[in-house]
């Protein structure tokens, strides 16, 4: 399959995932960072996002309790 065929076959979401996969694979293989470093940064980002979203969830739950 050519790159153009792959682009045509992939949805927008799949294309984004393929781009991230290709970039991370190249960076790891070229020694820019290790798999462990990638995983640590991935976990860091997810934890930050969960903390950021947690107050919004709590305020929504509080609002629901008052409206009942």
N, C-alpha and C. Protein backbone atom coordinates (compact mmCIF):
# COMPACT_ATOMS: atom_id res chain seq x y z
N UNK A 1 0.86 -1.17 0.00
CA UNK A 1 0.00 0.00 0.00
C UNK A 1 0.90 1.24 0.00
N UNK A 2 0.57 2.18 -0.84
CA UNK A 2 1.34 3.43 -0.88
C UNK A 2 0.85 4.38 0.21
N UNK A 3 1.63 5.42 0.46
CA UNK A 3 1.24 6.43 1.45
C UNK A 3 -0.07 7.09 1.04
N UNK A 4 -0.22 7.39 -0.23
CA UNK A 4 -1.45 8.03 -0.72
C UNK A 4 -2.65 7.12 -0.52
N UNK A 5 -2.47 5.81 -0.78
CA UNK A 5 -3.57 4.86 -0.57
C UNK A 5 -3.93 4.76 0.91
N UNK A 6 -2.91 4.77 1.76
CA UNK A 6 -3.17 4.71 3.20
C UNK A 6 -3.91 5.95 3.66
N UNK A 7 -3.51 7.13 3.15
CA UNK A 7 -4.22 8.37 3.49
C UNK A 7 -5.68 8.30 3.09
N UNK A 8 -5.93 7.78 1.91
CA UNK A 8 -7.30 7.69 1.41
C UNK A 8 -8.13 6.68 2.21
N UNK A 9 -7.49 5.61 2.68
CA UNK A 9 -8.21 4.55 3.38
C UNK A 9 -8.50 4.90 4.84
N UNK A 10 -7.69 5.75 5.42
CA UNK A 10 -7.80 6.06 6.85
C UNK A 10 -8.81 7.18 7.09
N UNK A 11 -9.57 7.02 8.17
CA UNK A 11 -10.44 8.11 8.59
C UNK A 11 -9.56 9.22 9.16
N UNK A 12 -10.14 10.34 9.46
CA UNK A 12 -9.37 11.44 10.06
C UNK A 12 -8.75 11.00 11.39
N UNK A 13 -9.52 10.32 12.22
CA UNK A 13 -9.03 9.84 13.51
C UNK A 13 -7.91 8.81 13.32
N UNK A 14 -8.10 7.89 12.38
CA UNK A 14 -7.07 6.89 12.12
C UNK A 14 -5.80 7.54 11.57
N UNK A 15 -5.95 8.55 10.73
CA UNK A 15 -4.80 9.26 10.19
C UNK A 15 -4.01 9.95 11.29
N UNK A 16 -4.73 10.56 12.24
CA UNK A 16 -4.06 11.19 13.37
C UNK A 16 -3.30 10.16 14.20
N UNK A 17 -3.96 9.03 14.50
CA UNK A 17 -3.32 7.97 15.28
C UNK A 17 -2.09 7.41 14.55
N UNK A 18 -2.20 7.25 13.25
CA UNK A 18 -1.07 6.74 12.46
C UNK A 18 0.09 7.73 12.48
N UNK A 19 -0.22 9.02 12.43
CA UNK A 19 0.82 10.05 12.48
C UNK A 19 1.55 10.01 13.82
N UNK A 20 0.80 9.95 14.90
CA UNK A 20 1.40 9.89 16.24
C UNK A 20 2.24 8.62 16.37
N UNK A 21 1.71 7.50 15.91
CA UNK A 21 2.45 6.24 15.96
C UNK A 21 3.77 6.35 15.20
N UNK A 22 3.71 6.86 13.97
CA UNK A 22 4.91 6.96 13.14
C UNK A 22 5.94 7.90 13.77
N UNK A 23 5.48 9.04 14.26
CA UNK A 23 6.41 10.00 14.86
C UNK A 23 7.06 9.43 16.12
N UNK A 24 6.27 8.83 16.99
CA UNK A 24 6.84 8.27 18.21
C UNK A 24 7.78 7.11 17.92
N UNK A 25 7.43 6.27 16.96
CA UNK A 25 8.29 5.15 16.60
C UNK A 25 9.63 5.66 16.08
N UNK A 26 9.59 6.65 15.21
CA UNK A 26 10.85 7.22 14.69
C UNK A 26 11.69 7.83 15.81
N UNK A 27 11.07 8.58 16.68
CA UNK A 27 11.82 9.23 17.77
C UNK A 27 12.44 8.21 18.71
N UNK A 28 11.73 7.13 18.99
CA UNK A 28 12.28 6.08 19.86
C UNK A 28 13.42 5.35 19.13
N UNK A 29 13.21 4.97 17.88
CA UNK A 29 14.25 4.24 17.12
C UNK A 29 15.50 5.09 16.90
N UNK A 30 15.33 6.38 16.77
CA UNK A 30 16.49 7.26 16.56
C UNK A 30 17.16 7.64 17.89
N UNK A 31 16.61 7.17 18.99
CA UNK A 31 17.21 7.42 20.30
C UNK A 31 16.95 8.80 20.86
N UNK A 32 15.94 9.50 20.34
CA UNK A 32 15.60 10.83 20.85
C UNK A 32 15.04 10.69 22.26
N UNK A 33 14.22 9.68 22.47
CA UNK A 33 13.76 9.33 23.80
C UNK A 33 13.47 7.84 23.85
N UNK A 34 13.36 7.32 25.07
CA UNK A 34 13.12 5.89 25.25
C UNK A 34 11.63 5.61 25.41
N UNK A 35 11.29 4.35 25.28
CA UNK A 35 9.89 3.93 25.49
C UNK A 35 9.45 4.31 26.90
N UNK A 36 10.36 4.15 27.87
CA UNK A 36 10.03 4.48 29.26
C UNK A 36 9.75 5.97 29.44
N UNK A 37 10.56 6.81 28.77
CA UNK A 37 10.33 8.26 28.84
C UNK A 37 8.99 8.62 28.21
N UNK A 38 8.69 8.00 27.08
CA UNK A 38 7.40 8.24 26.43
C UNK A 38 6.26 7.86 27.36
N UNK A 39 6.35 6.69 27.96
CA UNK A 39 5.28 6.22 28.83
C UNK A 39 5.11 7.13 30.05
N UNK A 40 6.21 7.59 30.62
CA UNK A 40 6.13 8.49 31.77
C UNK A 40 5.44 9.80 31.39
N UNK A 41 5.78 10.35 30.23
CA UNK A 41 5.14 11.59 29.79
C UNK A 41 3.67 11.37 29.43
N UNK A 42 3.35 10.22 28.89
CA UNK A 42 1.96 9.88 28.57
C UNK A 42 1.14 9.85 29.86
N UNK A 43 1.65 9.16 30.88
CA UNK A 43 0.97 9.07 32.18
C UNK A 43 0.82 10.47 32.78
N UNK A 44 1.89 11.26 32.70
CA UNK A 44 1.84 12.63 33.23
C UNK A 44 0.73 13.43 32.59
N UNK A 45 0.60 13.35 31.27
CA UNK A 45 -0.42 14.10 30.56
C UNK A 45 -1.83 13.64 30.96
N UNK A 46 -2.04 12.33 31.04
CA UNK A 46 -3.36 11.80 31.41
C UNK A 46 -3.72 12.23 32.82
N UNK A 47 -2.77 12.17 33.75
CA UNK A 47 -3.04 12.58 35.12
C UNK A 47 -3.41 14.07 35.19
N UNK A 48 -2.69 14.91 34.44
CA UNK A 48 -3.02 16.34 34.41
C UNK A 48 -4.42 16.57 33.87
N UNK A 49 -4.77 15.86 32.80
CA UNK A 49 -6.10 16.01 32.21
C UNK A 49 -7.18 15.56 33.18
N UNK A 50 -6.95 14.47 33.90
CA UNK A 50 -7.93 14.01 34.87
C UNK A 50 -8.12 15.02 36.00
N UNK A 51 -7.02 15.61 36.46
CA UNK A 51 -7.12 16.64 37.52
C UNK A 51 -7.86 17.86 36.99
N UNK A 52 -7.59 18.23 35.75
CA UNK A 52 -8.24 19.39 35.15
C UNK A 52 -9.74 19.16 35.00
N UNK A 53 -10.12 17.96 34.62
CA UNK A 53 -11.53 17.64 34.41
C UNK A 53 -12.27 17.36 35.70
N UNK A 54 -11.58 16.95 36.76
CA UNK A 54 -12.23 16.57 38.01
C UNK A 54 -13.08 17.69 38.60
N UNK A 55 -12.61 18.95 38.68
CA UNK A 55 -13.46 20.00 39.24
C UNK A 55 -14.74 20.20 38.43
N UNK A 56 -14.67 20.06 37.12
CA UNK A 56 -15.85 20.21 36.29
C UNK A 56 -16.87 19.11 36.58
N UNK A 57 -16.40 17.89 36.80
CA UNK A 57 -17.29 16.78 37.10
C UNK A 57 -17.94 17.00 38.46
N UNK A 58 -17.13 17.41 39.45
CA UNK A 58 -17.66 17.65 40.80
C UNK A 58 -18.69 18.77 40.79
N UNK A 59 -18.45 19.85 40.05
CA UNK A 59 -19.40 20.95 40.03
C UNK A 59 -20.69 20.54 39.33
N UNK A 60 -20.60 19.68 38.32
CA UNK A 60 -21.79 19.18 37.65
C UNK A 60 -22.59 18.30 38.59
N UNK A 61 -21.91 17.45 39.35
CA UNK A 61 -22.59 16.59 40.31
C UNK A 61 -23.25 17.42 41.39
N UNK A 62 -22.59 18.47 41.87
CA UNK A 62 -23.15 19.34 42.90
C UNK A 62 -24.38 20.06 42.37
N UNK A 63 -24.31 20.55 41.13
CA UNK A 63 -25.44 21.24 40.53
C UNK A 63 -26.64 20.31 40.41
N UNK A 64 -26.39 19.05 40.07
CA UNK A 64 -27.47 18.08 39.93
C UNK A 64 -28.14 17.83 41.27
N UNK A 65 -27.35 17.79 42.33
CA UNK A 65 -27.90 17.53 43.65
C UNK A 65 -28.81 18.67 44.10
N UNK A 66 -28.47 19.89 43.74
CA UNK A 66 -29.29 21.05 44.15
C UNK A 66 -30.55 21.16 43.33
N UNK A 67 -30.55 20.65 42.13
CA UNK A 67 -31.71 20.79 41.28
C UNK A 67 -32.73 19.68 41.49
N UNK A 68 -32.39 18.68 42.30
CA UNK A 68 -33.29 17.55 42.52
C UNK A 68 -34.36 17.89 43.54
